């Protein structure tokens, strides 16, 4: 085989117009289905962790002092723990809704790609 020919073909492939627009569309639909669940999960997780940390600081009396702040810290910490605990089930539910919303379009596009 001629290595110059192989090299020339590989360079030409880089500059040739791409005909994989269906693959790109499939990736975009997949991201579109999963993005709301992912954004919610990160936001809820960060906020819940911060609330839990605030509760820990209050209950250990790093912030504030006295029995009122101790009790308030325990309650706030429990709220943060609950938020962290329900985050994953909510993520799964939102992900399932997103997949159901775009399932028909994704399956049709995937069939078109696989038939080519």
PDB file of N, CA and C in Angstrom:
ATOM      1  N   UNK A   1       0.832  -1.184   0.000  1.00  0.00           N
ATOM      2  CA  UNK A   1       0.000   0.000   0.000  1.00  0.00           C
ATOM      3  C   UNK A   1       0.874   1.243   0.000  1.00  0.00           C
ATOM      4  N   UNK A   2       0.343   2.221  -0.595  1.00  0.00           N
ATOM      5  CA  UNK A   2       1.035   3.492  -0.678  1.00  0.00           C
ATOM      6  C   UNK A   2       0.661   4.333   0.535  1.00  0.00           C
ATOM      7  N   UNK A   3       1.633   4.625   1.384  1.00  0.00           N
ATOM      8  CA  UNK A   3       1.359   5.385   2.604  1.00  0.00           C
ATOM      9  C   UNK A   3       0.971   6.823   2.302  1.00  0.00           C
ATOM     10  N   UNK A   4       1.504   7.380   1.215  1.00  0.00           N
ATOM     11  CA  UNK A   4       1.131   8.752   0.848  1.00  0.00           C
ATOM     12  C   UNK A   4      -0.359   8.830   0.508  1.00  0.00           C
ATOM     13  N   UNK A   5      -0.870   7.799  -0.148  1.00  0.00           N
ATOM     14  CA  UNK A   5      -2.287   7.772  -0.515  1.00  0.00           C
ATOM     15  C   UNK A   5      -3.156   7.694   0.735  1.00  0.00           C
ATOM     16  N   UNK A   6      -2.773   6.859   1.677  1.00  0.00           N
ATOM     17  CA  UNK A   6      -3.520   6.723   2.931  1.00  0.00           C
ATOM     18  C   UNK A   6      -3.510   8.044   3.700  1.00  0.00           C
ATOM     19  N   UNK A   7      -2.343   8.687   3.731  1.00  0.00           N
ATOM     20  CA  UNK A   7      -2.220   9.959   4.428  1.00  0.00           C
ATOM     21  C   UNK A   7      -3.088  11.025   3.755  1.00  0.00           C
ATOM     22  N   UNK A   8      -3.063  11.052   2.443  1.00  0.00           N
ATOM     23  CA  UNK A   8      -3.854  12.034   1.698  1.00  0.00           C
ATOM     24  C   UNK A   8      -5.348  11.809   1.931  1.00  0.00           C
ATOM     25  N   UNK A   9      -5.787  10.564   1.983  1.00  0.00           N
ATOM     26  CA  UNK A   9      -7.196  10.263   2.229  1.00  0.00           C
ATOM     27  C   UNK A   9      -7.615  10.678   3.643  1.00  0.00           C
ATOM     28  N   UNK A  10      -6.737  10.472   4.606  1.00  0.00           N
ATOM     29  CA  UNK A  10      -7.077  10.863   5.979  1.00  0.00           C
ATOM     30  C   UNK A  10      -7.182  12.378   6.113  1.00  0.00           C
ATOM     31  N   UNK A  11      -6.309  13.106   5.422  1.00  0.00           N
ATOM     32  CA  UNK A  11      -6.391  14.570   5.434  1.00  0.00           C
ATOM     33  C   UNK A  11      -7.671  15.026   4.733  1.00  0.00           C
ATOM     34  N   UNK A  12      -8.012  14.396   3.627  1.00  0.00           N
ATOM     35  CA  UNK A  12      -9.211  14.768   2.884  1.00  0.00           C
ATOM     36  C   UNK A  12     -10.470  14.525   3.708  1.00  0.00           C
ATOM     37  N   UNK A  13     -10.477  13.467   4.518  1.00  0.00           N
ATOM     38  CA  UNK A  13     -11.641  13.185   5.360  1.00  0.00           C
ATOM     39  C   UNK A  13     -11.877  14.288   6.383  1.00  0.00           C
ATOM     40  N   UNK A  14     -10.792  14.892   6.865  1.00  0.00           N
ATOM     41  CA  UNK A  14     -10.926  15.968   7.845  1.00  0.00           C
ATOM     42  C   UNK A  14     -11.635  17.181   7.261  1.00  0.00           C
ATOM     43  N   UNK A  15     -11.369  17.451   5.984  1.00  0.00           N
ATOM     44  CA  UNK A  15     -11.917  18.655   5.364  1.00  0.00           C
ATOM     45  C   UNK A  15     -13.183  18.403   4.563  1.00  0.00           C
ATOM     46  N   UNK A  16     -13.551  17.169   4.396  1.00  0.00           N
ATOM     47  CA  UNK A  16     -14.767  16.842   3.653  1.00  0.00           C
ATOM     48  C   UNK A  16     -15.982  17.208   4.498  1.00  0.00           C
ATOM     49  N   UNK A  17     -17.080  17.592   3.866  1.00  0.00           N
ATOM     50  CA  UNK A  17     -18.289  17.911   4.652  1.00  0.00           C
ATOM     51  C   UNK A  17     -18.795  16.672   5.381  1.00  0.00           C
ATOM     52  N   UNK A  18     -19.167  16.892   6.596  1.00  0.00           N
ATOM     53  CA  UNK A  18     -19.629  15.784   7.437  1.00  0.00           C
ATOM     54  C   UNK A  18     -21.067  15.434   7.080  1.00  0.00           C
ATOM     55  N   UNK A  19     -21.352  14.148   6.993  1.00  0.00           N
ATOM     56  CA  UNK A  19     -22.709  13.692   6.696  1.00  0.00           C
ATOM     57  C   UNK A  19     -23.295  12.960   7.896  1.00  0.00           C
ATOM     58  N   UNK A  20     -22.840  13.329   9.079  1.00  0.00           N
ATOM     59  CA  UNK A  20     -23.325  12.667  10.288  1.00  0.00           C
ATOM     60  C   UNK A  20     -24.238  13.603  11.077  1.00  0.00           C
ATOM     61  N   UNK A  21     -25.015  14.387  10.362  1.00  0.00           N
ATOM     62  CA  UNK A  21     -25.889  15.325  11.055  1.00  0.00           C
ATOM     63  C   UNK A  21     -26.952  14.596  11.871  1.00  0.00           C
ATOM     64  N   UNK A  22     -27.304  13.379  11.454  1.00  0.00           N
ATOM     65  CA  UNK A  22     -28.289  12.614  12.228  1.00  0.00           C
ATOM     66  C   UNK A  22     -27.707  12.177  13.568  1.00  0.00           C
ATOM     67  N   UNK A  23     -26.428  11.835  13.563  1.00  0.00           N
ATOM     68  CA  UNK A  23     -25.770  11.456  14.825  1.00  0.00           C
ATOM     69  C   UNK A  23     -25.727  12.668  15.756  1.00  0.00           C
ATOM     70  N   UNK A  24     -25.390  13.815  15.205  1.00  0.00           N
ATOM     71  CA  UNK A  24     -25.347  15.036  16.013  1.00  0.00           C
ATOM     72  C   UNK A  24     -26.741  15.351  16.558  1.00  0.00           C
ATOM     73  N   UNK A  25     -27.755  15.197  15.719  1.00  0.00           N
ATOM     74  CA  UNK A  25     -29.126  15.446  16.172  1.00  0.00           C
ATOM     75  C   UNK A  25     -29.531  14.464  17.265  1.00  0.00           C
ATOM     76  N   UNK A  26     -29.101  13.217  17.136  1.00  0.00           N
ATOM     77  CA  UNK A  26     -29.409  12.215  18.159  1.00  0.00           C
ATOM     78  C   UNK A  26     -28.749  12.571  19.483  1.00  0.00           C
ATOM     79  N   UNK A  27     -27.495  13.001  19.442  1.00  0.00           N
ATOM     80  CA  UNK A  27     -26.805  13.412  20.668  1.00  0.00           C
ATOM     81  C   UNK A  27     -27.493  14.622  21.311  1.00  0.00           C
ATOM     82  N   UNK A  28     -27.912  15.568  20.482  1.00  0.00           N
ATOM     83  CA  UNK A  28     -28.586  16.749  21.017  1.00  0.00           C
ATOM     84  C   UNK A  28     -29.907  16.373  21.678  1.00  0.00           C
ATOM     85  N   UNK A  29     -30.660  15.476  21.050  1.00  0.00           N
ATOM     86  CA  UNK A  29     -31.922  15.033  21.655  1.00  0.00           C
ATOM     87  C   UNK A  29     -31.672  14.306  22.974  1.00  0.00           C
ATOM     88  N   UNK A  30     -30.617  13.494  23.010  1.00  0.00           N
ATOM     89  CA  UNK A  30     -30.285  12.770  24.238  1.00  0.00           C
ATOM     90  C   UNK A  30     -29.931  13.757  25.352  1.00  0.00           C
ATOM     91  N   UNK A  31     -29.123  14.760  25.020  1.00  0.00           N
ATOM     92  CA  UNK A  31     -28.772  15.775  26.010  1.00  0.00           C
ATOM     93  C   UNK A  31     -30.004  16.563  26.450  1.00  0.00           C
ATOM     94  N   UNK A  32     -30.874  16.869  25.490  1.00  0.00           N
ATOM     95  CA  UNK A  32     -32.085  17.623  25.791  1.00  0.00           C
ATOM     96  C   UNK A  32     -32.995  16.849  26.735  1.00  0.00           C
ATOM     97  N   UNK A  33     -33.017  15.532  26.613  1.00  0.00           N
ATOM     98  CA  UNK A  33     -33.848  14.700  27.483  1.00  0.00           C
ATOM     99  C   UNK A  33     -33.281  14.622  28.903  1.00  0.00           C
ATOM    100  N   UNK A  34     -31.961  14.647  29.020  1.00  0.00           N
ATOM    101  CA  UNK A  34     -31.324  14.449  30.323  1.00  0.00           C
ATOM    102  C   UNK A  34     -30.962  15.742  31.047  1.00  0.00           C
ATOM    103  N   UNK A  35     -30.875  16.859  30.335  1.00  0.00           N
ATOM    104  CA  UNK A  35     -30.376  18.095  30.930  1.00  0.00           C
ATOM    105  C   UNK A  35     -31.215  18.634  32.084  1.00  0.00           C
ATOM    106  N   UNK A  36     -32.543  18.707  31.988  1.00  0.00           N
ATOM    107  CA  UNK A  36     -33.299  19.243  33.135  1.00  0.00           C
ATOM    108  C   UNK A  36     -33.107  18.445  34.423  1.00  0.00           C
ATOM    109  N   UNK A  37     -33.064  17.127  34.307  1.00  0.00           N
ATOM    110  CA  UNK A  37     -32.864  16.301  35.496  1.00  0.00           C
ATOM    111  C   UNK A  37     -31.477  16.530  36.092  1.00  0.00           C
ATOM    112  N   UNK A  38     -30.483  16.662  35.236  1.00  0.00           N
ATOM    113  CA  UNK A  38     -29.121  16.877  35.716  1.00  0.00           C
ATOM    114  C   UNK A  38     -28.974  18.227  36.404  1.00  0.00           C
ATOM    115  N   UNK A  39     -29.527  19.259  35.793  1.00  0.00           N
ATOM    116  CA  UNK A  39     -29.438  20.598  36.387  1.00  0.00           C
ATOM    117  C   UNK A  39     -30.143  20.630  37.744  1.00  0.00           C
ATOM    118  N   UNK A  40     -31.342  20.047  37.809  1.00  0.00           N
ATOM    119  CA  UNK A  40     -32.057  20.025  39.083  1.00  0.00           C
ATOM    120  C   UNK A  40     -31.266  19.260  40.140  1.00  0.00           C
ATOM    121  N   UNK A  41     -30.689  18.132  39.755  1.00  0.00           N
ATOM    122  CA  UNK A  41     -29.968  17.313  40.716  1.00  0.00           C
ATOM    123  C   UNK A  41     -28.770  18.043  41.295  1.00  0.00           C
ATOM    124  N   UNK A  42     -27.989  18.686  40.434  1.00  0.00           N
ATOM    125  CA  UNK A  42     -26.839  19.430  40.944  1.00  0.00           C
ATOM    126  C   UNK A  42     -27.285  20.579  41.838  1.00  0.00           C
ATOM    127  N   UNK A  43     -28.285  21.339  41.410  1.00  0.00           N
ATOM    128  CA  UNK A  43     -28.748  22.476  42.205  1.00  0.00           C
ATOM    129  C   UNK A  43     -29.298  22.018  43.552  1.00  0.00           C
ATOM    130  N   UNK A  44     -30.144  21.009  43.539  1.00  0.00           N
ATOM    131  CA  UNK A  44     -30.730  20.513  44.784  1.00  0.00           C
ATOM    132  C   UNK A  44     -29.653  19.920  45.699  1.00  0.00           C
ATOM    133  N   UNK A  45     -28.703  19.200  45.123  1.00  0.00           N
ATOM    134  CA  UNK A  45     -27.633  18.606  45.924  1.00  0.00           C
ATOM    135  C   UNK A  45     -26.756  19.655  46.585  1.00  0.00           C
ATOM    136  N   UNK A  46     -26.404  20.686  45.828  1.00  0.00           N
ATOM    137  CA  UNK A  46     -25.561  21.744  46.388  1.00  0.00           C
ATOM    138  C   UNK A  46     -26.301  22.489  47.489  1.00  0.00           C
ATOM    139  N   UNK A  47     -27.537  22.855  47.225  1.00  0.00           N
ATOM    140  CA  UNK A  47     -28.315  23.595  48.230  1.00  0.00           C
ATOM    141  C   UNK A  47     -28.532  22.746  49.480  1.00  0.00           C
ATOM    142  N   UNK A  48     -28.859  21.470  49.293  1.00  0.00           N
ATOM    143  CA  UNK A  48     -29.087  20.590  50.454  1.00  0.00           C
ATOM    144  C   UNK A  48     -27.818  20.407  51.265  1.00  0.00           C
ATOM    145  N   UNK A  49     -26.689  20.272  50.594  1.00  0.00           N
ATOM    146  CA  UNK A  49     -25.422  20.122  51.318  1.00  0.00           C
ATOM    147  C   UNK A  49     -25.083  21.391  52.092  1.00  0.00           C
ATOM    148  N   UNK A  50     -25.366  22.551  51.500  1.00  0.00           N
ATOM    149  CA  UNK A  50     -25.106  23.799  52.213  1.00  0.00           C
ATOM    150  C   UNK A  50     -26.037  23.955  53.416  1.00  0.00           C
ATOM    151  N   UNK A  51     -27.287  23.579  53.257  1.00  0.00           N
ATOM    152  CA  UNK A  51     -28.226  23.648  54.386  1.00  0.00           C
ATOM    153  C   UNK A  51     -27.789  22.687  55.486  1.00  0.00           C
ATOM    154  N   UNK A  52     -27.369  21.486  55.096  1.00  0.00           N
ATOM    155  CA  UNK A  52     -26.884  20.516  56.079  1.00  0.00           C
ATOM    156  C   UNK A  52     -25.648  21.057  56.812  1.00  0.00           C
ATOM    157  N   UNK A  53     -24.736  21.677  56.067  1.00  0.00           N
ATOM    158  CA  UNK A  53     -23.539  22.250  56.684  1.00  0.00           C
ATOM    159  C   UNK A  53     -23.873  23.394  57.627  1.00  0.00           C
ATOM    160  N   UNK A  54     -24.847  24.214  57.235  1.00  0.00           N
ATOM    161  CA  UNK A  54     -25.278  25.292  58.129  1.00  0.00           C
ATOM    162  C   UNK A  54     -25.863  24.712  59.415  1.00  0.00           C
ATOM    163  N   UNK A  55     -26.660  23.670  59.287  1.00  0.00           N
ATOM    164  CA  UNK A  55     -27.215  23.022  60.475  1.00  0.00           C
ATOM    165  C   UNK A  55     -26.129  22.443  61.377  1.00  0.00           C
ATOM    166  N   UNK A  56     -25.107  21.865  60.754  1.00  0.00           N
ATOM    167  CA  UNK A  56     -24.001  21.333  61.560  1.00  0.00           C
ATOM    168  C   UNK A  56     -23.267  22.447  62.290  1.00  0.00           C
ATOM    169  N   UNK A  57     -23.017  23.568  61.584  1.00  0.00           N
ATOM    170  CA  UNK A  57     -22.327  24.686  62.223  1.00  0.00           C
ATOM    171  C   UNK A  57     -23.140  25.252  63.390  1.00  0.00           C
ATOM    172  N   UNK A  58     -24.445  25.342  63.203  1.00  0.00           N
ATOM    173  CA  UNK A  58     -25.288  25.850  64.286  1.00  0.00           C
ATOM    174  C   UNK A  58     -25.349  24.877  65.453  1.00  0.00           C
ATOM    175  N   UNK A  59     -25.467  23.589  65.163  1.00  0.00           N
ATOM    176  CA  UNK A  59     -25.593  22.625  66.258  1.00  0.00           C
ATOM    177  C   UNK A  59     -24.282  22.434  67.018  1.00  0.00           C
ATOM    178  N   UNK A  60     -23.158  22.637  66.364  1.00  0.00           N
ATOM    179  CA  UNK A  60     -21.869  22.558  67.067  1.00  0.00           C
ATOM    180  C   UNK A  60     -21.465  23.896  67.652  1.00  0.00           C
ATOM    181  N   UNK A  61     -22.336  24.873  67.498  1.00  0.00           N
ATOM    182  CA  UNK A  61     -22.183  26.216  68.041  1.00  0.00           C
ATOM    183  C   UNK A  61     -20.936  26.927  67.519  1.00  0.00           C
ATOM    184  N   UNK A  62     -20.597  26.640  66.256  1.00  0.00           N
ATOM    185  CA  UNK A  62     -19.556  27.415  65.586  1.00  0.00           C
ATOM    186  C   UNK A  62     -20.144  28.766  65.208  1.00  0.00           C
ATOM    187  N   UNK A  63     -21.402  28.732  64.781  1.00  0.00           N
ATOM    188  CA  UNK A  63     -22.165  29.942  64.513  1.00  0.00           C
ATOM    189  C   UNK A  63     -23.245  30.014  65.593  1.00  0.00           C
ATOM    190  N   UNK A  64     -23.355  31.128  66.228  1.00  0.00           N
ATOM    191  CA  UNK A  64     -24.388  31.276  67.259  1.00  0.00           C
ATOM    192  C   UNK A  64     -23.984  30.567  68.546  1.00  0.00           C
ATOM    193  N   UNK A  65     -24.819  30.668  69.512  1.00  0.00           N
ATOM    194  CA  UNK A  65     -24.566  30.030  70.789  1.00  0.00           C
ATOM    195  C   UNK A  65     -25.857  29.942  71.576  1.00  0.00           C
ATOM    196  N   UNK A  66     -25.954  28.976  72.437  1.00  0.00           N
ATOM    197  CA  UNK A  66     -27.152  28.815  73.242  1.00  0.00           C
ATOM    198  C   UNK A  66     -27.997  27.655  72.749  1.00  0.00           C
ATOM    199  N   UNK A  67     -28.975  27.323  73.552  1.00  0.00           N
ATOM    200  CA  UNK A  67     -29.809  26.154  73.286  1.00  0.00           C
ATOM    201  C   UNK A  67     -30.712  26.366  72.074  1.00  0.00           C
ATOM    202  N   UNK A  68     -31.162  27.620  71.845  1.00  0.00           N
ATOM    203  CA  UNK A  68     -32.020  27.888  70.697  1.00  0.00           C
ATOM    204  C   UNK A  68     -31.306  27.570  69.390  1.00  0.00           C
ATOM    205  N   UNK A  69     -30.053  28.019  69.259  1.00  0.00           N
ATOM    206  CA  UNK A  69     -29.304  27.765  68.020  1.00  0.00           C
ATOM    207  C   UNK A  69     -28.923  26.307  67.883  1.00  0.00           C
ATOM    208  N   UNK A  70     -28.750  25.615  68.988  1.00  0.00           N
ATOM    209  CA  UNK A  70     -28.473  24.182  68.945  1.00  0.00           C
ATOM    210  C   UNK A  70     -29.668  23.438  68.357  1.00  0.00           C
ATOM    211  N   UNK A  71     -30.852  23.720  68.861  1.00  0.00           N
ATOM    212  CA  UNK A  71     -32.070  23.066  68.370  1.00  0.00           C
ATOM    213  C   UNK A  71     -32.340  23.462  66.915  1.00  0.00           C
ATOM    214  N   UNK A  72     -32.167  24.760  66.621  1.00  0.00           N
ATOM    215  CA  UNK A  72     -32.370  25.218  65.248  1.00  0.00           C
ATOM    216  C   UNK A  72     -31.378  24.539  64.296  1.00  0.00           C
ATOM    217  N   UNK A  73     -30.159  24.352  64.748  1.00  0.00           N
ATOM    218  CA  UNK A  73     -29.148  23.674  63.919  1.00  0.00           C
ATOM    219  C   UNK A  73     -29.502  22.230  63.654  1.00  0.00           C
ATOM    220  N   UNK A  74     -30.021  21.557  64.648  1.00  0.00           N
ATOM    221  CA  UNK A  74     -30.433  20.160  64.467  1.00  0.00           C
ATOM    222  C   UNK A  74     -31.580  20.074  63.467  1.00  0.00           C
ATOM    223  N   UNK A  75     -32.547  20.971  63.595  1.00  0.00           N
ATOM    224  CA  UNK A  75     -33.693  20.961  62.661  1.00  0.00           C
ATOM    225  C   UNK A  75     -33.239  21.303  61.243  1.00  0.00           C
ATOM    226  N   UNK A  76     -32.408  22.327  61.109  1.00  0.00           N
ATOM    227  CA  UNK A  76     -31.916  22.716  59.781  1.00  0.00           C
ATOM    228  C   UNK A  76     -31.052  21.605  59.184  1.00  0.00           C
ATOM    229  N   UNK A  77     -30.236  20.971  60.004  1.00  0.00           N
ATOM    230  CA  UNK A  77     -29.422  19.859  59.524  1.00  0.00           C
ATOM    231  C   UNK A  77     -30.275  18.694  59.038  1.00  0.00           C
ATOM    232  N   UNK A  78     -31.346  18.408  59.755  1.00  0.00           N
ATOM    233  CA  UNK A  78     -32.256  17.336  59.321  1.00  0.00           C
ATOM    234  C   UNK A  78     -32.933  17.681  57.995  1.00  0.00           C
ATOM    235  N   UNK A  79     -33.285  18.948  57.819  1.00  0.00           N
ATOM    236  CA  UNK A  79     -33.872  19.377  56.541  1.00  0.00           C
ATOM    237  C   UNK A  79     -32.864  19.175  55.409  1.00  0.00           C
ATOM    238  N   UNK A  80     -31.605  19.508  55.660  1.00  0.00           N
ATOM    239  CA  UNK A  80     -30.560  19.297  54.653  1.00  0.00           C
ATOM    240  C   UNK A  80     -30.350  17.826  54.340  1.00  0.00           C
ATOM    241  N   UNK A  81     -30.403  16.978  55.362  1.00  0.00           N
ATOM    242  CA  UNK A  81     -30.268  15.535  55.128  1.00  0.00           C
ATOM    243  C   UNK A  81     -31.419  14.988  54.307  1.00  0.00           C
ATOM    244  N   UNK A  82     -32.621  15.443  54.600  1.00  0.00           N
ATOM    245  CA  UNK A  82     -33.792  15.003  53.835  1.00  0.00           C
ATOM    246  C   UNK A  82     -33.653  15.444  52.375  1.00  0.00           C
ATOM    247  N   UNK A  83     -33.193  16.674  52.175  1.00  0.00           N
ATOM    248  CA  UNK A  83     -32.975  17.165  50.818  1.00  0.00           C
ATOM    249  C   UNK A  83     -31.974  16.322  50.058  1.00  0.00           C
ATOM    250  N   UNK A  84     -30.886  15.943  50.724  1.00  0.00           N
ATOM    251  CA  UNK A  84     -29.897  15.067  50.081  1.00  0.00           C
ATOM    252  C   UNK A  84     -30.473  13.679  49.825  1.00  0.00           C
ATOM    253  N   UNK A  85     -31.317  13.220  50.722  1.00  0.00           N
ATOM    254  CA  UNK A  85     -31.878  11.875  50.585  1.00  0.00           C
ATOM    255  C   UNK A  85     -32.892  11.753  49.468  1.00  0.00           C
ATOM    256  N   UNK A  86     -33.678  12.798  49.239  1.00  0.00           N
ATOM    257  CA  UNK A  86     -34.699  12.708  48.193  1.00  0.00           C
ATOM    258  C   UNK A  86     -34.176  13.164  46.830  1.00  0.00           C
ATOM    259  N   UNK A  87     -32.966  13.642  46.790  1.00  0.00           N
ATOM    260  CA  UNK A  87     -32.413  14.155  45.544  1.00  0.00           C
ATOM    261  C   UNK A  87     -32.347  13.075  44.459  1.00  0.00           C
ATOM    262  N   UNK A  88     -31.828  11.921  44.763  1.00  0.00           N
ATOM    263  CA  UNK A  88     -31.673  10.866  43.756  1.00  0.00           C
ATOM    264  C   UNK A  88     -33.014  10.325  43.258  1.00  0.00           C
ATOM    265  N   UNK A  89     -33.975  10.029  44.131  1.00  0.00           N
ATOM    266  CA  UNK A  89     -35.278   9.585  43.595  1.00  0.00           C
ATOM    267  C   UNK A  89     -35.953  10.632  42.705  1.00  0.00           C
ATOM    268  N   UNK A  90     -35.827  11.900  43.071  1.00  0.00           N
ATOM    269  CA  UNK A  90     -36.392  12.947  42.227  1.00  0.00           C
ATOM    270  C   UNK A  90     -35.660  12.988  40.888  1.00  0.00           C
ATOM    271  N   UNK A  91     -34.345  12.825  40.918  1.00  0.00           N
ATOM    272  CA  UNK A  91     -33.558  12.781  39.678  1.00  0.00           C
ATOM    273  C   UNK A  91     -34.038  11.664  38.764  1.00  0.00           C
ATOM    274  N   UNK A  92     -34.248  10.486  39.331  1.00  0.00           N
ATOM    275  CA  UNK A  92     -34.711   9.363  38.519  1.00  0.00           C
ATOM    276  C   UNK A  92     -36.078   9.642  37.908  1.00  0.00           C
ATOM    277  N   UNK A  93     -36.964  10.248  38.664  1.00  0.00           N
ATOM    278  CA  UNK A  93     -38.294  10.565  38.162  1.00  0.00           C
ATOM    279  C   UNK A  93     -38.229  11.605  37.046  1.00  0.00           C
ATOM    280  N   UNK A  94     -37.425  12.643  37.229  1.00  0.00           N
ATOM    281  CA  UNK A  94     -37.279  13.666  36.198  1.00  0.00           C
ATOM    282  C   UNK A  94     -36.612  13.114  34.946  1.00  0.00           C
ATOM    283  N   UNK A  95     -35.635  12.233  35.137  1.00  0.00           N
ATOM    284  CA  UNK A  95     -34.959  11.620  33.997  1.00  0.00           C
ATOM    285  C   UNK A  95     -35.919  10.751  33.195  1.00  0.00           C
ATOM    286  N   UNK A  96     -36.753  10.009  33.896  1.00  0.00           N
ATOM    287  CA  UNK A  96     -37.741   9.164  33.222  1.00  0.00           C
ATOM    288  C   UNK A  96     -38.739  10.013  32.440  1.00  0.00           C
ATOM    289  N   UNK A  97     -39.181  11.127  33.006  1.00  0.00           N
ATOM    290  CA  UNK A  97     -40.104  12.015  32.298  1.00  0.00           C
ATOM    291  C   UNK A  97     -39.449  12.604  31.049  1.00  0.00           C
ATOM    292  N   UNK A  98     -38.186  12.992  31.168  1.00  0.00           N
ATOM    293  CA  UNK A  98     -37.477  13.529  30.017  1.00  0.00           C
ATOM    294  C   UNK A  98     -37.291  12.495  28.925  1.00  0.00           C
ATOM    295  N   UNK A  99     -36.992  11.267  29.321  1.00  0.00           N
ATOM    296  CA  UNK A  99     -36.837  10.193  28.337  1.00  0.00           C
ATOM    297  C   UNK A  99     -38.167   9.882  27.665  1.00  0.00           C
ATOM    298  N   UNK A 100     -39.245   9.886  28.419  1.00  0.00           N
ATOM    299  CA  UNK A 100     -40.559   9.631  27.819  1.00  0.00           C
ATOM    300  C   UNK A 100     -40.948  10.738  26.855  1.00  0.00           C
ATOM    301  N   UNK A 101     -40.577  11.960  27.173  1.00  0.00           N
ATOM    302  CA  UNK A 101     -40.941  13.101  26.337  1.00  0.00           C
ATOM    303  C   UNK A 101     -40.275  13.022  24.966  1.00  0.00           C
ATOM    304  N   UNK A 102     -39.023  12.581  24.916  1.00  0.00           N
ATOM    305  CA  UNK A 102     -38.277  12.561  23.671  1.00  0.00           C
ATOM    306  C   UNK A 102     -38.067  11.150  23.122  1.00  0.00           C
ATOM    307  N   UNK A 103     -38.697  10.166  23.700  1.00  0.00           N
ATOM    308  CA  UNK A 103     -38.459   8.770  23.310  1.00  0.00           C
ATOM    309  C   UNK A 103     -38.808   8.513  21.849  1.00  0.00           C
ATOM    310  N   UNK A 104     -39.945   8.986  21.403  1.00  0.00           N
ATOM    311  CA  UNK A 104     -40.371   8.711  20.039  1.00  0.00           C
ATOM    312  C   UNK A 104     -39.382   9.287  19.025  1.00  0.00           C
ATOM    313  N   UNK A 105     -38.983  10.542  19.224  1.00  0.00           N
ATOM    314  CA  UNK A 105     -38.050  11.182  18.299  1.00  0.00           C
ATOM    315  C   UNK A 105     -36.699  10.479  18.300  1.00  0.00           C
ATOM    316  N   UNK A 106     -36.214  10.100  19.468  1.00  0.00           N
ATOM    317  CA  UNK A 106     -34.909   9.447  19.562  1.00  0.00           C
ATOM    318  C   UNK A 106     -34.953   8.080  18.905  1.00  0.00           C
ATOM    319  N   UNK A 107     -36.009   7.324  19.141  1.00  0.00           N
ATOM    320  CA  UNK A 107     -36.111   5.977  18.561  1.00  0.00           C
ATOM    321  C   UNK A 107     -36.213   6.071  17.040  1.00  0.00           C
ATOM    322  N   UNK A 108     -37.002   6.999  16.526  1.00  0.00           N
ATOM    323  CA  UNK A 108     -37.130   7.150  15.074  1.00  0.00           C
ATOM    324  C   UNK A 108     -35.802   7.534  14.442  1.00  0.00           C
ATOM    325  N   UNK A 109     -35.104   8.465  15.049  1.00  0.00           N
ATOM    326  CA  UNK A 109     -33.811   8.886  14.516  1.00  0.00           C
ATOM    327  C   UNK A 109     -32.785   7.768  14.600  1.00  0.00           C
ATOM    328  N   UNK A 110     -32.804   7.010  15.683  1.00  0.00           N
ATOM    329  CA  UNK A 110     -31.876   5.889  15.828  1.00  0.00           C
ATOM    330  C   UNK A 110     -32.157   4.816  14.776  1.00  0.00           C
ATOM    331  N   UNK A 111     -33.439   4.578  14.468  1.00  0.00           N
ATOM    332  CA  UNK A 111     -33.774   3.612  13.415  1.00  0.00           C
ATOM    333  C   UNK A 111     -33.284   4.070  12.052  1.00  0.00           C
ATOM    334  N   UNK A 112     -33.457   5.360  11.772  1.00  0.00           N
ATOM    335  CA  UNK A 112     -32.969   5.895  10.508  1.00  0.00           C
ATOM    336  C   UNK A 112     -31.460   5.734  10.379  1.00  0.00           C
ATOM    337  N   UNK A 113     -30.745   5.978  11.450  1.00  0.00           N
ATOM    338  CA  UNK A 113     -29.292   5.849  11.417  1.00  0.00           C
ATOM    339  C   UNK A 113     -28.880   4.402  11.247  1.00  0.00           C
ATOM    340  N   UNK A 114     -29.549   3.495  11.952  1.00  0.00           N
ATOM    341  CA  UNK A 114     -29.160   2.083  11.870  1.00  0.00           C
ATOM    342  C   UNK A 114     -29.521   1.450  10.534  1.00  0.00           C
ATOM    343  N   UNK A 115     -30.510   1.984   9.831  1.00  0.00           N
ATOM    344  CA  UNK A 115     -30.892   1.434   8.540  1.00  0.00           C
ATOM    345  C   UNK A 115     -29.949   1.872   7.416  1.00  0.00           C
ATOM    346  N   UNK A 116     -29.208   2.941   7.637  1.00  0.00           N
ATOM    347  CA  UNK A 116     -28.289   3.420   6.603  1.00  0.00           C
ATOM    348  C   UNK A 116     -27.093   2.538   6.448  1.00  0.00           C
TER     349      UNK A 116
END
